[in-house]
C-alpha cells in the first residue's frame, strides 16, 4: 500500500486503542479475526463488533466512522491475522469498497485469507434491511484481482495503490427459502502483493473478447 497515504483516526477507537492493543497481545495466539460477529462468534477467533454487547466480544470499535474516499485506520497492527471473516458486514459500511478492503489487506499476513458474505444485487432480501447501503455483483471483487480483465482494464486505474487479492471462490449461499436461487454472494480471496507493471499490449490481450457475447 502507499506509504504516503493520509491517516484518519477512527474516533470511537481513539480512546480504546491501548485496551484493544492489550487484548490483541493477550490473545496473540489467535490468528483469525471475525469482524462484525453479531451473535455469531467463532470459537478460537478474535471476535469483533461495533460495541461490546456481550461477553463473547473481544474487541469493539466502529469500522466505519470515516467514509467516502478517506482512509480508515483500524486499531489493529499490520499483518496481524492469517484469516479475516466478515459475514453480512460490508453492505452496512459507508466507506467505499476499496477503503475497507485496504484495511483488510493491511491487517492480513501475506497470502492471508479473506472470507466475505455480502448482499447480492438480485436478492430481494438485500433491500429489506434499512441499514444496508449497497449490494454486490458476482464480479465486484474482480476489480481487485490483478489477473482478471476487470482489474487489467479498470481496477489498476481506479485503485493504483491497491488493495490486491487473488479471488478463489464466488458462490451463492444463505438464501431465503422464498428465493432459493438468489442467496448472498460468498467470496474467498487471498492477499497478494503489488502486481508487476502491466503493459498496454498485455492488457489488450487479456481483455480482448472478454465482453463479447
N, C-alpha and C. Protein backbone atom coordinates (compact mmCIF):
# COMPACT_ATOMS: atom_id res chain seq x y z
N UNK A 1 0.84 -1.19 0.00
CA UNK A 1 0.00 0.00 0.00
C UNK A 1 0.88 1.24 0.00
N UNK A 2 0.34 2.39 -0.39
CA UNK A 2 1.09 3.62 -0.44
C UNK A 2 1.53 4.04 0.96
N UNK A 3 2.82 4.37 1.12
CA UNK A 3 3.32 4.77 2.42
C UNK A 3 3.00 6.22 2.74
N UNK A 4 2.51 6.98 1.76
CA UNK A 4 2.24 8.39 1.96
C UNK A 4 0.76 8.68 2.14
N UNK A 5 -0.05 7.66 2.33
CA UNK A 5 -1.48 7.86 2.44
C UNK A 5 -1.82 8.68 3.68
N UNK A 6 -2.89 9.47 3.57
CA UNK A 6 -3.38 10.19 4.73
C UNK A 6 -4.03 9.21 5.70
N UNK A 7 -3.90 9.49 6.99
CA UNK A 7 -4.46 8.62 8.01
C UNK A 7 -5.52 9.38 8.78
N UNK A 8 -6.69 8.80 8.91
CA UNK A 8 -7.78 9.39 9.65
C UNK A 8 -8.13 8.44 10.79
N UNK A 9 -7.98 8.92 12.02
CA UNK A 9 -8.24 8.09 13.17
C UNK A 9 -9.74 7.85 13.31
N UNK A 10 -10.10 6.63 13.66
CA UNK A 10 -11.49 6.31 13.92
C UNK A 10 -11.84 6.83 15.31
N UNK A 11 -12.73 7.82 15.44
CA UNK A 11 -12.99 8.42 16.74
C UNK A 11 -13.36 7.43 17.83
N UNK A 12 -14.23 6.47 17.53
CA UNK A 12 -14.65 5.52 18.55
C UNK A 12 -13.49 4.69 19.07
N UNK A 13 -12.45 4.54 18.23
CA UNK A 13 -11.35 3.68 18.61
C UNK A 13 -10.26 4.43 19.38
N UNK A 14 -10.22 5.77 19.26
CA UNK A 14 -9.09 6.52 19.78
C UNK A 14 -8.86 6.27 21.26
N UNK A 15 -9.94 6.32 22.05
CA UNK A 15 -9.80 6.12 23.48
C UNK A 15 -9.64 4.68 23.88
N UNK A 16 -9.77 3.77 22.93
CA UNK A 16 -9.74 2.34 23.23
C UNK A 16 -8.51 1.65 22.65
N UNK A 17 -7.68 2.38 21.95
CA UNK A 17 -6.60 1.74 21.21
C UNK A 17 -5.67 0.95 22.13
N UNK A 18 -5.35 1.52 23.28
CA UNK A 18 -4.45 0.81 24.20
C UNK A 18 -5.10 -0.46 24.72
N UNK A 19 -6.38 -0.39 25.05
CA UNK A 19 -7.08 -1.57 25.56
C UNK A 19 -7.18 -2.64 24.47
N UNK A 20 -7.45 -2.21 23.23
CA UNK A 20 -7.53 -3.17 22.13
C UNK A 20 -6.16 -3.79 21.87
N UNK A 21 -5.11 -2.96 21.92
CA UNK A 21 -3.76 -3.49 21.73
C UNK A 21 -3.42 -4.52 22.79
N UNK A 22 -3.83 -4.25 24.04
CA UNK A 22 -3.56 -5.19 25.12
C UNK A 22 -4.31 -6.50 24.91
N UNK A 23 -5.55 -6.41 24.42
CA UNK A 23 -6.33 -7.62 24.16
C UNK A 23 -5.70 -8.42 23.03
N UNK A 24 -5.28 -7.75 21.98
CA UNK A 24 -4.65 -8.44 20.86
C UNK A 24 -3.36 -9.11 21.28
N UNK A 25 -2.62 -8.48 22.18
CA UNK A 25 -1.39 -9.09 22.69
C UNK A 25 -1.70 -10.29 23.56
N UNK A 26 -2.70 -10.15 24.42
CA UNK A 26 -3.09 -11.25 25.30
C UNK A 26 -3.57 -12.46 24.50
N UNK A 27 -4.22 -12.18 23.38
CA UNK A 27 -4.77 -13.24 22.53
C UNK A 27 -3.92 -13.42 21.27
N UNK A 28 -2.62 -13.26 21.42
CA UNK A 28 -1.74 -13.25 20.25
C UNK A 28 -1.68 -14.59 19.54
N UNK A 29 -2.10 -15.66 20.22
CA UNK A 29 -2.12 -16.96 19.56
C UNK A 29 -3.33 -17.13 18.65
N UNK A 30 -4.29 -16.21 18.72
CA UNK A 30 -5.47 -16.27 17.87
C UNK A 30 -5.20 -15.49 16.59
N UNK A 31 -5.26 -16.17 15.47
CA UNK A 31 -4.88 -15.55 14.20
C UNK A 31 -6.04 -15.43 13.22
N UNK A 32 -7.26 -15.61 13.74
CA UNK A 32 -8.47 -15.41 12.94
C UNK A 32 -9.25 -14.26 13.54
N UNK A 33 -9.67 -13.32 12.71
CA UNK A 33 -10.48 -12.18 13.14
C UNK A 33 -11.86 -12.31 12.54
N UNK A 34 -12.87 -12.25 13.40
CA UNK A 34 -14.27 -12.32 12.98
C UNK A 34 -14.87 -10.93 13.13
N UNK A 35 -14.96 -10.21 12.02
CA UNK A 35 -15.43 -8.83 12.05
C UNK A 35 -16.96 -8.78 12.08
N UNK A 36 -17.49 -7.86 12.89
CA UNK A 36 -18.93 -7.66 12.95
C UNK A 36 -19.67 -8.95 13.26
N UNK A 37 -19.23 -9.65 14.29
CA UNK A 37 -19.72 -11.01 14.50
C UNK A 37 -21.17 -11.07 14.97
N UNK A 38 -21.71 -9.97 15.53
CA UNK A 38 -23.09 -10.01 15.99
C UNK A 38 -23.29 -11.09 17.02
N UNK A 39 -24.23 -11.98 16.77
CA UNK A 39 -24.50 -13.10 17.67
C UNK A 39 -23.88 -14.40 17.17
N UNK A 40 -22.86 -14.31 16.28
CA UNK A 40 -22.25 -15.50 15.70
C UNK A 40 -20.74 -15.49 15.92
N UNK A 41 -20.30 -15.67 17.15
CA UNK A 41 -18.85 -15.73 17.39
C UNK A 41 -18.25 -16.99 16.79
N UNK A 42 -16.97 -16.92 16.49
CA UNK A 42 -16.23 -18.08 16.03
C UNK A 42 -15.31 -18.53 17.16
N UNK A 43 -15.44 -19.76 17.57
CA UNK A 43 -14.64 -20.30 18.65
C UNK A 43 -13.16 -20.26 18.26
N UNK A 44 -12.33 -19.70 19.12
CA UNK A 44 -10.90 -19.64 18.87
C UNK A 44 -10.46 -18.44 18.07
N UNK A 45 -11.41 -17.62 17.60
CA UNK A 45 -11.09 -16.39 16.87
C UNK A 45 -11.13 -15.20 17.81
N UNK A 46 -10.64 -14.06 17.34
CA UNK A 46 -10.89 -12.79 18.00
C UNK A 46 -12.17 -12.24 17.40
N UNK A 47 -13.18 -12.10 18.22
CA UNK A 47 -14.50 -11.68 17.76
C UNK A 47 -14.67 -10.18 17.98
N UNK A 48 -15.03 -9.50 16.93
CA UNK A 48 -15.19 -8.04 16.93
C UNK A 48 -16.64 -7.67 16.68
N UNK A 49 -17.05 -6.54 17.24
CA UNK A 49 -18.31 -5.92 16.84
C UNK A 49 -18.22 -4.42 17.12
N UNK A 50 -19.26 -3.71 16.71
CA UNK A 50 -19.25 -2.26 16.84
C UNK A 50 -19.28 -1.82 18.29
N UNK A 51 -19.85 -2.66 19.16
CA UNK A 51 -19.86 -2.37 20.60
C UNK A 51 -19.81 -3.68 21.37
N UNK A 52 -19.43 -3.60 22.62
CA UNK A 52 -19.33 -4.80 23.46
C UNK A 52 -20.70 -5.13 24.02
N UNK A 53 -21.50 -5.81 23.23
CA UNK A 53 -22.87 -6.10 23.63
C UNK A 53 -23.00 -7.41 24.38
N UNK A 54 -21.90 -8.19 24.47
CA UNK A 54 -21.93 -9.43 25.24
C UNK A 54 -20.51 -9.83 25.58
N UNK A 55 -20.38 -10.83 26.44
CA UNK A 55 -19.06 -11.29 26.86
C UNK A 55 -18.27 -11.95 25.74
N UNK A 56 -18.94 -12.31 24.66
CA UNK A 56 -18.24 -13.01 23.57
C UNK A 56 -17.46 -12.04 22.68
N UNK A 57 -17.65 -10.73 22.85
CA UNK A 57 -16.94 -9.73 22.05
C UNK A 57 -15.58 -9.45 22.67
N UNK A 58 -14.52 -9.69 21.90
CA UNK A 58 -13.16 -9.46 22.40
C UNK A 58 -12.71 -8.02 22.21
N UNK A 59 -13.00 -7.46 21.05
CA UNK A 59 -12.65 -6.06 20.76
C UNK A 59 -13.84 -5.38 20.10
N UNK A 60 -14.00 -4.09 20.38
CA UNK A 60 -15.15 -3.36 19.84
C UNK A 60 -14.70 -1.98 19.36
N UNK A 61 -15.04 -1.68 18.12
CA UNK A 61 -14.85 -0.34 17.57
C UNK A 61 -15.65 -0.25 16.28
N UNK A 62 -15.95 0.97 15.88
CA UNK A 62 -16.74 1.20 14.67
C UNK A 62 -15.82 1.10 13.45
N UNK A 63 -16.16 0.22 12.54
CA UNK A 63 -15.37 0.05 11.32
C UNK A 63 -15.51 1.23 10.36
N UNK A 64 -16.49 2.06 10.59
CA UNK A 64 -16.95 2.94 9.52
C UNK A 64 -17.29 4.35 9.97
N UNK A 65 -16.52 4.91 10.89
CA UNK A 65 -16.78 6.29 11.27
C UNK A 65 -16.44 7.23 10.13
N UNK A 66 -15.32 6.99 9.44
CA UNK A 66 -14.90 7.81 8.33
C UNK A 66 -15.29 7.12 7.04
N UNK A 67 -15.97 7.84 6.15
CA UNK A 67 -16.42 7.26 4.90
C UNK A 67 -15.83 7.96 3.70
N UNK A 68 -16.50 7.81 2.56
CA UNK A 68 -16.05 8.43 1.32
C UNK A 68 -14.72 7.84 0.88
N UNK A 69 -13.82 8.69 0.37
CA UNK A 69 -12.53 8.22 -0.13
C UNK A 69 -11.41 8.34 0.89
N UNK A 70 -11.75 8.67 2.13
CA UNK A 70 -10.72 8.77 3.15
C UNK A 70 -10.27 7.37 3.59
N UNK A 71 -9.05 7.31 4.11
CA UNK A 71 -8.52 6.04 4.58
C UNK A 71 -8.91 5.83 6.03
N UNK A 72 -9.28 4.62 6.34
CA UNK A 72 -9.57 4.25 7.72
C UNK A 72 -8.28 3.87 8.41
N UNK A 73 -8.35 3.74 9.72
CA UNK A 73 -7.17 3.34 10.49
C UNK A 73 -7.63 2.51 11.67
N UNK A 74 -7.98 1.27 11.39
CA UNK A 74 -8.45 0.40 12.45
C UNK A 74 -7.34 0.15 13.46
N UNK A 75 -7.67 0.01 14.73
CA UNK A 75 -6.64 -0.15 15.78
C UNK A 75 -6.11 -1.58 15.84
N UNK A 76 -5.60 -2.06 14.71
CA UNK A 76 -5.07 -3.41 14.58
C UNK A 76 -3.73 -3.31 13.85
N UNK A 77 -2.70 -3.97 14.35
CA UNK A 77 -1.38 -3.89 13.69
C UNK A 77 -1.40 -4.48 12.28
N UNK A 78 -0.44 -4.04 11.49
CA UNK A 78 -0.26 -4.60 10.15
C UNK A 78 0.03 -6.10 10.25
N UNK A 79 -0.51 -6.85 9.29
CA UNK A 79 -0.21 -8.27 9.14
C UNK A 79 -0.39 -9.05 10.44
N UNK A 80 -1.49 -8.78 11.11
CA UNK A 80 -1.76 -9.43 12.41
C UNK A 80 -2.44 -10.79 12.25
N UNK A 81 -3.22 -10.99 11.19
CA UNK A 81 -4.09 -12.16 11.10
C UNK A 81 -3.81 -13.02 9.87
N UNK A 82 -4.01 -14.33 10.04
CA UNK A 82 -3.96 -15.26 8.93
C UNK A 82 -5.28 -15.30 8.16
N UNK A 83 -6.36 -14.99 8.85
CA UNK A 83 -7.69 -15.05 8.22
C UNK A 83 -8.57 -13.96 8.81
N UNK A 84 -9.33 -13.32 7.95
CA UNK A 84 -10.36 -12.35 8.35
C UNK A 84 -11.69 -12.82 7.79
N UNK A 85 -12.69 -12.88 8.64
CA UNK A 85 -14.04 -13.29 8.26
C UNK A 85 -14.97 -12.10 8.48
N UNK A 86 -15.78 -11.78 7.49
CA UNK A 86 -16.76 -10.70 7.61
C UNK A 86 -18.04 -11.14 6.91
N UNK A 87 -18.95 -11.69 7.68
CA UNK A 87 -20.21 -12.18 7.14
C UNK A 87 -21.31 -11.15 7.38
N UNK A 88 -21.94 -10.69 6.31
CA UNK A 88 -23.04 -9.73 6.39
C UNK A 88 -22.60 -8.43 7.06
N UNK A 89 -21.42 -7.97 6.70
CA UNK A 89 -20.85 -6.76 7.28
C UNK A 89 -20.70 -5.66 6.23
N UNK A 90 -20.12 -6.00 5.08
CA UNK A 90 -19.70 -4.99 4.10
C UNK A 90 -20.85 -4.14 3.59
N UNK A 91 -22.04 -4.72 3.48
CA UNK A 91 -23.17 -3.96 2.94
C UNK A 91 -23.64 -2.85 3.87
N UNK A 92 -23.18 -2.87 5.13
CA UNK A 92 -23.57 -1.85 6.10
C UNK A 92 -22.60 -0.67 6.12
N UNK A 93 -21.44 -0.79 5.51
CA UNK A 93 -20.40 0.21 5.65
C UNK A 93 -20.62 1.39 4.72
N UNK A 94 -20.35 2.59 5.25
CA UNK A 94 -20.47 3.81 4.45
C UNK A 94 -19.24 4.02 3.57
N UNK A 95 -18.09 3.59 4.04
CA UNK A 95 -16.85 3.79 3.28
C UNK A 95 -16.92 3.07 1.94
N UNK A 96 -16.22 3.63 0.95
CA UNK A 96 -16.14 2.97 -0.35
C UNK A 96 -15.51 1.59 -0.20
N UNK A 97 -15.81 0.72 -1.13
CA UNK A 97 -15.36 -0.67 -1.03
C UNK A 97 -13.85 -0.76 -0.90
N UNK A 98 -13.13 -0.02 -1.75
CA UNK A 98 -11.67 -0.12 -1.71
C UNK A 98 -11.10 0.38 -0.39
N UNK A 99 -11.83 1.26 0.30
CA UNK A 99 -11.33 1.82 1.56
C UNK A 99 -11.29 0.76 2.65
N UNK A 100 -12.39 0.02 2.82
CA UNK A 100 -12.35 -1.02 3.87
C UNK A 100 -11.57 -2.24 3.42
N UNK A 101 -11.51 -2.49 2.10
CA UNK A 101 -10.66 -3.59 1.63
C UNK A 101 -9.18 -3.29 1.89
N UNK A 102 -8.80 -2.02 1.82
CA UNK A 102 -7.42 -1.64 2.14
C UNK A 102 -7.07 -2.05 3.57
N UNK A 103 -8.00 -1.83 4.49
CA UNK A 103 -7.72 -2.19 5.88
C UNK A 103 -7.66 -3.70 6.06
N UNK A 104 -8.54 -4.43 5.40
CA UNK A 104 -8.49 -5.88 5.48
C UNK A 104 -7.18 -6.40 4.89
N UNK A 105 -6.76 -5.82 3.80
CA UNK A 105 -5.48 -6.18 3.18
C UNK A 105 -4.33 -5.89 4.14
N UNK A 106 -4.38 -4.73 4.78
CA UNK A 106 -3.29 -4.31 5.67
C UNK A 106 -3.12 -5.24 6.86
N UNK A 107 -4.22 -5.68 7.46
CA UNK A 107 -4.12 -6.48 8.68
C UNK A 107 -3.92 -7.96 8.41
N UNK A 108 -4.05 -8.37 7.15
CA UNK A 108 -3.79 -9.76 6.78
C UNK A 108 -2.30 -9.98 6.54
N UNK A 109 -1.83 -11.15 6.93
CA UNK A 109 -0.48 -11.56 6.61
C UNK A 109 -0.39 -11.92 5.12
N UNK A 110 0.81 -11.98 4.56
CA UNK A 110 0.94 -12.39 3.16
C UNK A 110 0.24 -13.72 2.91
N UNK A 111 -0.53 -13.76 1.85
CA UNK A 111 -1.34 -14.93 1.48
C UNK A 111 -2.46 -15.21 2.48
N UNK A 112 -2.76 -14.26 3.36
CA UNK A 112 -3.85 -14.43 4.30
C UNK A 112 -5.20 -14.53 3.59
N UNK A 113 -6.14 -15.18 4.26
CA UNK A 113 -7.44 -15.49 3.67
C UNK A 113 -8.48 -14.48 4.12
N UNK A 114 -9.27 -14.00 3.17
CA UNK A 114 -10.40 -13.11 3.45
C UNK A 114 -11.68 -13.80 3.00
N UNK A 115 -12.61 -13.95 3.94
CA UNK A 115 -13.90 -14.58 3.65
C UNK A 115 -14.99 -13.54 3.86
N UNK A 116 -15.75 -13.27 2.82
CA UNK A 116 -16.83 -12.29 2.86
C UNK A 116 -18.15 -12.94 2.48
N UNK A 117 -19.21 -12.47 3.09
CA UNK A 117 -20.57 -12.75 2.60
C UNK A 117 -21.27 -11.41 2.51
N UNK A 118 -21.76 -11.09 1.31
CA UNK A 118 -22.31 -9.76 1.06
C UNK A 118 -23.67 -9.88 0.37
N UNK A 119 -24.44 -8.82 0.44
CA UNK A 119 -25.77 -8.80 -0.15
C UNK A 119 -25.68 -8.75 -1.67
N UNK A 120 -26.47 -9.59 -2.32
CA UNK A 120 -26.45 -9.69 -3.78
C UNK A 120 -27.43 -8.71 -4.42
N UNK A 121 -27.07 -8.27 -5.60
CA UNK A 121 -27.86 -7.27 -6.33
C UNK A 121 -29.26 -7.78 -6.70
N UNK A 122 -29.41 -9.08 -6.90
CA UNK A 122 -30.69 -9.62 -7.36
C UNK A 122 -31.46 -10.35 -6.26
N UNK A 123 -31.03 -10.20 -5.03
CA UNK A 123 -31.70 -10.86 -3.90
C UNK A 123 -32.70 -9.89 -3.28
N UNK A 124 -34.00 -10.16 -3.34
CA UNK A 124 -34.97 -9.23 -2.76
C UNK A 124 -34.72 -8.92 -1.28
N UNK A 125 -34.15 -9.87 -0.55
CA UNK A 125 -33.89 -9.65 0.87
C UNK A 125 -32.81 -8.60 1.10
N UNK A 126 -31.96 -8.38 0.08
CA UNK A 126 -30.91 -7.38 0.21
C UNK A 126 -31.46 -5.99 0.50
N UNK A 127 -32.70 -5.75 0.07
CA UNK A 127 -33.30 -4.42 0.19
C UNK A 127 -34.23 -4.30 1.39
N UNK A 128 -34.33 -5.36 2.17
CA UNK A 128 -35.22 -5.35 3.32
C UNK A 128 -34.64 -4.59 4.50
N UNK A 129 -33.35 -4.76 4.73
CA UNK A 129 -32.69 -4.17 5.89
C UNK A 129 -32.43 -2.69 5.64
N UNK A 130 -32.98 -1.80 6.45
CA UNK A 130 -32.80 -0.36 6.21
C UNK A 130 -31.38 0.12 6.46
N UNK A 131 -30.52 -0.71 7.06
CA UNK A 131 -29.14 -0.30 7.29
C UNK A 131 -28.20 -0.74 6.17
N UNK A 132 -28.71 -1.45 5.17
CA UNK A 132 -27.88 -1.83 4.02
C UNK A 132 -27.64 -0.60 3.15
N UNK A 133 -26.40 -0.40 2.75
CA UNK A 133 -26.03 0.77 1.96
C UNK A 133 -25.65 0.43 0.52
N UNK A 134 -25.40 -0.85 0.23
CA UNK A 134 -25.05 -1.24 -1.13
C UNK A 134 -25.29 -2.73 -1.31
N UNK A 135 -25.35 -3.12 -2.57
CA UNK A 135 -25.37 -4.54 -2.92
C UNK A 135 -24.16 -4.82 -3.81
N UNK A 136 -23.92 -6.09 -4.07
CA UNK A 136 -22.73 -6.50 -4.82
C UNK A 136 -23.12 -7.42 -5.97
N UNK A 137 -22.25 -7.41 -6.96
CA UNK A 137 -22.36 -8.29 -8.13
C UNK A 137 -21.33 -9.41 -7.97
N UNK A 138 -21.55 -10.52 -8.66
CA UNK A 138 -20.59 -11.63 -8.59
C UNK A 138 -19.18 -11.22 -9.01
N UNK A 139 -19.06 -10.19 -9.86
CA UNK A 139 -17.74 -9.78 -10.34
C UNK A 139 -17.22 -8.51 -9.65
N UNK A 140 -17.88 -8.06 -8.60
CA UNK A 140 -17.45 -6.82 -7.94
C UNK A 140 -16.00 -6.89 -7.47
N UNK A 141 -15.58 -8.04 -6.95
CA UNK A 141 -14.24 -8.14 -6.37
C UNK A 141 -13.18 -8.48 -7.40
N UNK A 142 -13.61 -8.70 -8.65
CA UNK A 142 -12.64 -8.91 -9.72
C UNK A 142 -11.83 -7.64 -10.01
N UNK A 143 -12.35 -6.50 -9.60
CA UNK A 143 -11.63 -5.23 -9.80
C UNK A 143 -10.38 -5.14 -8.92
N UNK A 144 -10.22 -6.09 -8.00
CA UNK A 144 -9.05 -6.10 -7.11
C UNK A 144 -8.16 -7.33 -7.36
N UNK A 145 -8.44 -8.06 -8.43
CA UNK A 145 -7.75 -9.31 -8.75
C UNK A 145 -6.87 -9.07 -9.97
N UNK A 146 -5.56 -8.94 -9.80
CA UNK A 146 -4.70 -8.45 -10.87
C UNK A 146 -4.69 -9.26 -12.16
N UNK A 147 -5.07 -10.54 -12.14
CA UNK A 147 -5.05 -11.29 -13.40
C UNK A 147 -6.37 -11.21 -14.14
N UNK A 148 -7.37 -10.57 -13.56
CA UNK A 148 -8.69 -10.53 -14.19
C UNK A 148 -8.80 -9.34 -15.15
N UNK A 149 -9.50 -9.52 -16.27
CA UNK A 149 -9.67 -8.41 -17.21
C UNK A 149 -10.25 -7.14 -16.58
N UNK A 150 -11.12 -7.28 -15.59
CA UNK A 150 -11.70 -6.08 -14.99
C UNK A 150 -10.67 -5.29 -14.20
N UNK A 151 -9.68 -5.96 -13.63
CA UNK A 151 -8.58 -5.22 -12.99
C UNK A 151 -7.66 -4.65 -14.06
N UNK A 152 -7.36 -5.45 -15.07
CA UNK A 152 -6.46 -5.01 -16.12
C UNK A 152 -6.98 -3.75 -16.80
N UNK A 153 -8.30 -3.72 -17.02
CA UNK A 153 -8.89 -2.60 -17.75
C UNK A 153 -9.25 -1.43 -16.85
N UNK A 154 -9.72 -1.71 -15.64
CA UNK A 154 -10.26 -0.64 -14.78
C UNK A 154 -9.61 -0.57 -13.40
N UNK A 155 -9.50 -1.72 -12.73
CA UNK A 155 -9.06 -1.70 -11.34
C UNK A 155 -7.70 -1.08 -11.13
N UNK A 156 -6.76 -1.35 -12.04
CA UNK A 156 -5.41 -0.81 -11.88
C UNK A 156 -5.40 0.71 -11.99
N UNK A 157 -6.41 1.27 -12.65
CA UNK A 157 -6.52 2.72 -12.78
C UNK A 157 -7.30 3.30 -11.61
N UNK A 158 -8.40 2.65 -11.24
CA UNK A 158 -9.20 3.12 -10.11
C UNK A 158 -8.42 3.06 -8.80
N UNK A 159 -7.65 1.95 -8.62
CA UNK A 159 -7.01 1.68 -7.33
C UNK A 159 -5.52 1.41 -7.54
N UNK A 160 -4.75 2.44 -7.94
CA UNK A 160 -3.33 2.20 -8.25
C UNK A 160 -2.51 1.77 -7.05
N UNK A 161 -2.96 2.10 -5.84
CA UNK A 161 -2.24 1.72 -4.63
C UNK A 161 -2.85 0.49 -3.95
N UNK A 162 -3.65 -0.26 -4.70
CA UNK A 162 -4.26 -1.46 -4.15
C UNK A 162 -5.58 -1.16 -3.47
N UNK A 163 -6.11 -2.16 -2.81
CA UNK A 163 -5.52 -3.44 -2.42
C UNK A 163 -5.59 -4.47 -3.55
N UNK A 164 -4.84 -5.58 -3.36
CA UNK A 164 -4.78 -6.62 -4.36
C UNK A 164 -5.07 -7.97 -3.71
N UNK A 165 -5.96 -8.72 -4.34
CA UNK A 165 -6.33 -10.04 -3.84
C UNK A 165 -6.40 -11.02 -5.00
N UNK A 166 -6.15 -12.29 -4.68
CA UNK A 166 -6.47 -13.38 -5.60
C UNK A 166 -7.84 -13.92 -5.23
N UNK A 167 -8.70 -14.04 -6.20
CA UNK A 167 -10.07 -14.48 -5.97
C UNK A 167 -10.17 -15.98 -6.24
N UNK A 168 -10.63 -16.73 -5.25
CA UNK A 168 -10.68 -18.19 -5.35
C UNK A 168 -12.09 -18.75 -5.47
N UNK A 169 -13.04 -18.17 -4.74
CA UNK A 169 -14.40 -18.71 -4.71
C UNK A 169 -15.39 -17.55 -4.78
N UNK A 170 -16.37 -17.67 -5.65
CA UNK A 170 -17.54 -16.79 -5.66
C UNK A 170 -18.75 -17.70 -5.83
N UNK A 171 -19.62 -17.73 -4.85
CA UNK A 171 -20.79 -18.60 -4.93
C UNK A 171 -21.94 -17.97 -4.16
N UNK A 172 -23.11 -18.56 -4.30
CA UNK A 172 -24.29 -18.09 -3.61
C UNK A 172 -24.55 -18.95 -2.37
N UNK A 173 -25.08 -18.31 -1.32
CA UNK A 173 -25.39 -19.04 -0.10
C UNK A 173 -26.32 -18.25 0.79
N UNK A 174 -26.76 -18.87 1.87
CA UNK A 174 -27.60 -18.22 2.87
C UNK A 174 -28.89 -17.68 2.24
N UNK A 175 -29.48 -18.44 1.34
CA UNK A 175 -30.66 -17.96 0.61
C UNK A 175 -31.92 -18.03 1.48
N UNK A 176 -32.79 -17.06 1.28
CA UNK A 176 -34.12 -17.10 1.87
C UNK A 176 -34.93 -18.19 1.17
N UNK A 177 -35.74 -18.92 1.93
CA UNK A 177 -36.50 -20.04 1.36
C UNK A 177 -37.43 -19.60 0.23
N UNK A 178 -37.83 -18.33 0.24
CA UNK A 178 -38.73 -17.83 -0.79
C UNK A 178 -38.02 -17.61 -2.12
N UNK A 179 -36.69 -17.39 -2.07
CA UNK A 179 -35.90 -17.16 -3.28
C UNK A 179 -34.64 -18.02 -3.19
N UNK A 180 -34.79 -19.33 -3.30
CA UNK A 180 -33.66 -20.23 -3.04
C UNK A 180 -32.48 -20.09 -4.00
N UNK A 181 -32.71 -19.49 -5.17
CA UNK A 181 -31.63 -19.32 -6.13
C UNK A 181 -31.04 -17.92 -6.12
N UNK A 182 -31.39 -17.11 -5.11
CA UNK A 182 -30.91 -15.72 -5.05
C UNK A 182 -30.32 -15.41 -3.67
N UNK A 183 -29.41 -16.23 -3.26
CA UNK A 183 -28.78 -16.02 -1.96
C UNK A 183 -27.75 -14.91 -1.97
N UNK A 184 -27.08 -14.76 -0.84
CA UNK A 184 -25.99 -13.80 -0.73
C UNK A 184 -24.81 -14.25 -1.58
N UNK A 185 -23.89 -13.33 -1.83
CA UNK A 185 -22.66 -13.64 -2.55
C UNK A 185 -21.58 -13.95 -1.53
N UNK A 186 -21.00 -15.13 -1.65
CA UNK A 186 -19.96 -15.60 -0.74
C UNK A 186 -18.63 -15.62 -1.49
N UNK A 187 -17.61 -15.01 -0.90
CA UNK A 187 -16.34 -14.79 -1.59
C UNK A 187 -15.19 -15.26 -0.70
N UNK A 188 -14.24 -15.94 -1.30
CA UNK A 188 -12.99 -16.29 -0.63
C UNK A 188 -11.84 -15.73 -1.47
N UNK A 189 -11.00 -14.91 -0.84
CA UNK A 189 -9.87 -14.30 -1.51
C UNK A 189 -8.63 -14.47 -0.65
N UNK A 190 -7.46 -14.33 -1.26
CA UNK A 190 -6.22 -14.29 -0.50
C UNK A 190 -5.44 -13.02 -0.86
N UNK A 191 -4.77 -12.51 0.13
CA UNK A 191 -3.97 -11.30 -0.05
C UNK A 191 -2.80 -11.60 -0.98
N UNK A 192 -2.58 -10.71 -1.93
CA UNK A 192 -1.41 -10.81 -2.79
C UNK A 192 -0.71 -9.45 -2.81
N UNK A 193 0.45 -9.40 -3.40
CA UNK A 193 1.27 -8.20 -3.37
C UNK A 193 1.05 -7.36 -4.62
N UNK A 194 1.67 -6.19 -4.62
CA UNK A 194 1.56 -5.28 -5.76
C UNK A 194 1.97 -6.02 -7.03
N UNK A 195 1.10 -6.03 -8.04
CA UNK A 195 1.46 -6.74 -9.28
C UNK A 195 2.54 -6.00 -10.05
N UNK A 196 3.22 -6.72 -10.92
CA UNK A 196 4.18 -6.09 -11.80
C UNK A 196 3.44 -5.17 -12.76
N UNK A 197 4.17 -4.20 -13.29
CA UNK A 197 3.57 -3.27 -14.24
C UNK A 197 2.99 -4.05 -15.42
N UNK A 198 1.79 -3.72 -15.79
CA UNK A 198 1.11 -4.38 -16.90
C UNK A 198 1.19 -3.48 -18.12
N UNK A 199 1.75 -3.98 -19.20
CA UNK A 199 1.87 -3.17 -20.41
C UNK A 199 0.55 -3.11 -21.14
N UNK A 200 0.39 -2.13 -21.97
CA UNK A 200 -0.85 -1.96 -22.71
C UNK A 200 -1.10 -3.16 -23.62
N UNK A 201 -0.03 -3.76 -24.18
CA UNK A 201 -0.23 -4.90 -25.06
C UNK A 201 -0.77 -6.09 -24.29
N UNK A 202 -0.28 -6.28 -23.06
CA UNK A 202 -0.78 -7.37 -22.23
C UNK A 202 -2.24 -7.12 -21.87
N UNK A 203 -2.55 -5.87 -21.57
CA UNK A 203 -3.93 -5.53 -21.25
C UNK A 203 -4.84 -5.84 -22.43
N UNK A 204 -4.41 -5.46 -23.61
CA UNK A 204 -5.22 -5.73 -24.78
C UNK A 204 -5.46 -7.21 -24.99
N UNK A 205 -4.41 -8.03 -24.79
CA UNK A 205 -4.57 -9.46 -24.95
C UNK A 205 -5.50 -10.03 -23.87
N UNK A 206 -5.37 -9.52 -22.66
CA UNK A 206 -6.19 -10.05 -21.56
C UNK A 206 -7.66 -9.71 -21.72
N UNK A 207 -7.91 -8.54 -22.29
CA UNK A 207 -9.29 -8.07 -22.34
C UNK A 207 -9.98 -8.34 -23.67
N UNK A 208 -9.24 -8.73 -24.69
CA UNK A 208 -9.83 -8.93 -26.00
C UNK A 208 -10.88 -10.02 -25.94
N UNK A 209 -12.10 -9.66 -26.28
CA UNK A 209 -13.18 -10.62 -26.31
C UNK A 209 -13.80 -10.92 -24.96
N UNK A 210 -13.32 -10.25 -23.90
CA UNK A 210 -13.80 -10.58 -22.56
C UNK A 210 -15.29 -10.27 -22.40
N UNK A 211 -15.79 -9.33 -23.18
CA UNK A 211 -17.18 -8.92 -23.01
C UNK A 211 -18.02 -9.23 -24.23
N UNK A 212 -17.51 -10.08 -25.12
CA UNK A 212 -18.28 -10.49 -26.29
C UNK A 212 -19.36 -11.48 -25.89
N UNK A 213 -20.43 -11.50 -26.66
CA UNK A 213 -21.47 -12.50 -26.44
C UNK A 213 -22.45 -12.13 -25.37
